Protein backbone atom coordinates (compact mmCIF):
# COMPACT_ATOMS: atom_id res chain seq x y z
CA MET A 1 11.43 -4.94 -11.32
CA HIS A 2 12.11 -1.59 -13.35
CA LEU A 3 9.63 0.80 -11.69
CA PRO A 4 9.82 3.97 -13.33
CA PHE A 5 10.13 7.64 -11.77
CA PRO A 6 8.43 9.55 -11.30
CA VAL A 7 4.27 7.58 -10.84
CA LEU A 8 1.70 9.57 -10.90
CA VAL A 9 -2.02 7.40 -10.69
CA HIS A 10 -5.13 8.65 -10.89
CA GLY A 11 -8.37 6.37 -9.96
CA ASP A 12 -11.48 6.96 -8.46
CA GLY A 13 -11.26 9.83 -6.40
CA VAL A 14 -7.65 9.53 -5.52
CA VAL A 15 -4.04 10.43 -6.83
CA LEU A 16 -1.49 8.46 -5.59
CA ARG A 17 1.95 10.29 -6.11
CA GLU A 18 5.70 10.07 -5.15
CA TRP A 19 6.40 11.37 -1.70
CA THR A 20 8.77 14.19 -1.54
CA ASP A 21 10.87 15.49 0.98
CA ASP A 22 8.04 18.42 1.87
CA ASP A 23 5.77 15.59 3.16
CA VAL A 24 8.07 14.63 6.07
CA PRO A 25 5.52 16.23 8.46
CA ALA A 26 2.27 15.52 6.94
CA MET A 27 3.96 11.54 7.38
CA VAL A 28 4.26 11.90 10.82
CA ALA A 29 0.90 13.42 11.60
CA LEU A 30 -0.84 10.41 9.33
CA LEU A 31 1.79 7.20 10.28
CA ASP A 32 2.28 8.08 14.05
CA ASP A 33 -1.23 6.70 14.84
CA PRO A 34 -1.70 3.62 17.40
CA GLU A 35 -3.79 1.48 14.60
CA ILE A 36 -0.91 1.78 12.27
CA ASP A 37 1.68 0.80 15.14
CA GLN A 38 -0.41 -2.00 16.29
CA TRP A 39 -1.08 -3.65 12.95
CA THR A 40 2.15 -2.16 10.47
CA PRO A 41 5.88 -2.76 11.25
CA ILE A 42 6.11 0.96 10.78
CA GLU A 43 8.26 2.57 13.30
CA SER A 44 6.86 3.66 16.63
CA PRO A 45 6.93 6.54 17.64
CA PHE A 46 6.90 7.97 13.92
CA ASP A 47 8.52 11.26 14.65
CA ALA A 48 10.13 13.52 12.24
CA GLY A 49 13.39 11.23 12.56
CA ALA A 50 11.66 8.34 11.96
CA ALA A 51 10.11 9.77 8.74
CA ALA A 52 12.79 10.48 7.20
CA ARG A 53 14.63 7.14 7.97
CA TYR A 54 11.41 5.15 5.89
CA LEU A 55 11.69 7.92 3.65
CA ALA A 56 14.96 6.69 2.54
CA ARG A 57 14.10 3.03 3.12
CA ALA A 58 11.49 3.31 0.66
CA ARG A 59 13.65 5.57 -1.75
CA ALA A 60 16.65 2.79 -1.62
CA ARG A 61 13.74 -0.06 -1.93
CA ARG A 62 12.28 1.64 -4.95
CA SER A 63 16.02 2.21 -6.55
CA GLU A 64 16.57 -1.86 -6.12
CA GLY A 65 13.02 -2.34 -8.34
CA ARG A 66 11.81 -4.07 -4.78
CA ALA A 67 8.80 -1.43 -3.78
CA LEU A 68 6.76 1.40 -5.04
CA GLN A 69 5.45 3.48 -1.96
CA LEU A 70 3.00 6.19 -3.05
CA ALA A 71 1.27 8.78 -1.00
CA VAL A 72 -2.39 8.68 -1.25
CA THR A 73 -3.87 12.26 -2.07
CA THR A 74 -7.41 13.24 -3.36
CA ASP A 75 -5.82 16.05 -5.14
CA GLY A 76 -2.27 15.22 -6.11
CA GLU A 77 -1.19 17.80 -3.40
CA ALA A 78 -1.91 17.37 0.70
CA PRO A 79 -1.05 13.17 1.85
CA LEU A 80 -3.81 11.43 3.13
CA GLY A 81 -2.20 7.76 3.86
CA GLU A 82 0.08 5.60 1.87
CA VAL A 83 -0.25 3.00 -0.96
CA LEU A 84 2.32 0.16 -1.23
CA LEU A 85 3.16 -2.64 -3.93
CA PHE A 86 6.46 -4.69 -2.88
CA ASP A 87 8.24 -7.93 -3.35
CA PRO A 88 6.93 -8.37 -7.09
CA SER A 89 8.17 -11.74 -8.08
CA GLY A 90 7.35 -13.77 -11.34
CA ASP A 91 3.38 -12.06 -11.70
CA SER A 92 2.51 -11.06 -8.59
CA ALA A 93 3.38 -8.71 -5.75
CA GLU A 94 1.80 -7.65 -2.18
CA LEU A 95 0.27 -4.35 -1.51
CA GLY A 96 -0.60 -2.66 1.61
CA TYR A 97 -1.81 0.51 2.83
CA ALA A 98 -2.17 2.70 5.70
CA ILE A 99 -4.85 5.65 6.26
CA GLY A 100 -4.33 8.75 8.61
CA PRO A 101 -6.67 8.66 10.93
CA ALA A 102 -8.52 11.90 10.23
CA HIS A 103 -9.16 10.48 6.16
CA ARG A 104 -10.72 7.07 7.60
CA GLY A 105 -14.10 5.60 6.68
CA ARG A 106 -13.68 7.64 3.08
CA GLY A 107 -12.68 4.55 0.81
CA LEU A 108 -9.56 6.08 0.38
CA ALA A 109 -7.67 2.64 1.27
CA ARG A 110 -9.87 0.63 -1.42
CA ALA A 111 -9.72 3.39 -4.17
CA SER A 112 -5.96 3.28 -3.50
CA VAL A 113 -5.65 -0.50 -3.35
CA LEU A 114 -7.67 -0.76 -6.70
CA ALA A 115 -5.79 1.79 -8.54
CA LEU A 116 -2.67 0.67 -7.91
CA VAL A 117 -3.54 -2.97 -8.82
CA ASP A 118 -4.81 -1.53 -12.25
CA HIS A 119 -1.43 0.54 -12.91
CA ALA A 120 0.81 -2.25 -11.68
CA ALA A 121 -1.15 -5.22 -13.84
CA ALA A 122 -1.07 -2.43 -16.95
CA GLY A 123 2.24 -0.77 -16.35
CA TYR A 124 4.08 -3.99 -15.10
CA GLY A 125 2.54 -7.01 -16.10
CA LEU A 126 1.31 -8.71 -12.42
CA GLN A 127 -1.42 -10.59 -12.20
CA ARG A 128 -2.02 -11.71 -9.08
CA PHE A 129 -2.05 -9.13 -5.82
CA LEU A 130 -1.53 -10.33 -2.22
CA LEU A 131 -2.84 -8.62 0.96
CA ARG A 132 -1.36 -10.07 4.24
CA ILE A 133 -3.15 -9.16 7.29
CA PRO A 134 -3.47 -10.02 10.82
CA PRO A 135 -6.83 -11.90 11.45
CA GLY A 136 -7.61 -9.65 14.12
CA ASN A 137 -7.38 -6.41 11.82
CA ALA A 138 -11.18 -6.27 11.02
CA ALA A 139 -10.61 -2.89 9.13
CA SER A 140 -8.00 -3.98 6.85
CA ARG A 141 -10.26 -7.36 6.40
CA ALA A 142 -13.02 -5.01 5.56
CA VAL A 143 -10.85 -2.69 2.95
CA ALA A 144 -9.96 -6.16 1.50
CA ARG A 145 -13.35 -7.78 0.98
CA SER A 146 -14.60 -4.40 -0.54
CA ALA A 147 -11.77 -4.38 -3.28
CA GLY A 148 -13.00 -7.80 -4.34
CA PHE A 149 -9.84 -9.72 -2.47
CA GLU A 150 -10.67 -13.27 -1.69
CA LEU A 151 -9.33 -14.98 1.88
CA THR A 152 -6.69 -18.13 0.69
CA ARG A 153 -6.57 -21.32 2.42
CA ASP A 154 -2.74 -20.68 2.32
CA PRO A 155 -1.35 -20.99 6.22
CA LEU A 156 -0.66 -18.30 7.82
CA VAL A 157 2.41 -15.98 7.22
CA ALA A 158 4.44 -15.78 10.19
CA ARG A 159 6.97 -12.50 10.27
CA ALA A 160 8.94 -10.69 12.88
CA ALA A 161 7.56 -6.88 13.57
CA LYS A 162 9.12 -4.75 16.07
CA GLY A 163 10.54 -7.48 18.10
CA ARG A 164 7.45 -9.68 17.98
CA ARG A 165 6.08 -12.49 15.67
CA VAL A 166 2.79 -12.11 13.79
CA GLU A 167 0.83 -14.42 11.84
CA LEU A 168 -0.97 -12.83 8.84
CA GLU A 169 -3.66 -14.14 6.82
CA THR A 170 -3.38 -14.20 2.58
CA TRP A 171 -5.43 -12.48 0.38
CA SER A 172 -5.63 -12.65 -3.34
CA LEU A 173 -6.54 -11.17 -6.05
CA ARG A 174 -6.47 -11.75 -9.79
CA PRO A 175 -8.07 -8.42 -11.85
CA PRO A 176 -9.51 -9.39 -14.79
CA ALA A 177 -8.03 -9.18 -18.18
CA ARG A 178 -8.36 -5.80 -19.96
CA SER A 179 -8.89 -5.59 -23.64
CA ALA A 180 -6.75 -3.52 -25.23
CA GLY A 181 -8.53 0.34 -25.00
CA SER A 182 -10.59 -0.62 -22.24
CA ALA A 183 -10.06 2.17 -19.07
CA PRO A 184 -9.22 1.33 -16.10
CA ARG A 185 -11.34 1.58 -12.80
């Protein structure tokens, strides 16, 4: 899938933008967190070297059309977390998100996911979005529910992350089709 550059997405109280090299210190402050370590495949400890590697992988995946990783902001400036779209196939793609510990509880994950869904549905023709969430991650399950995702009856998906096997539930969302001229959420 061709993912145009740059991408700037406006949503309900969020602005999603490209990560820059200048964001590396902020990435460390946001992503070097025990909760993110527990629930995501993000390298830990997440120091400046890990952030530089992460950004390089994100750019490589982007150039291959495999992923779009965006900084979550409220003003287009200071990053508060990340939202990503990855592994697009046919009419569907998987989403993920991580909000820095100081910014949780403000609805940023929900708003970011919905803004990216609207952008990807309108801009890339995607019609189904998936979240893969460990059953014990209550906070992420709450975000999925509040964004309108439904837990599927699919078997747990097993993935390897950080040298361990992780089993994930599949949550699905098919956003309503929009008529020409209707505004995104």
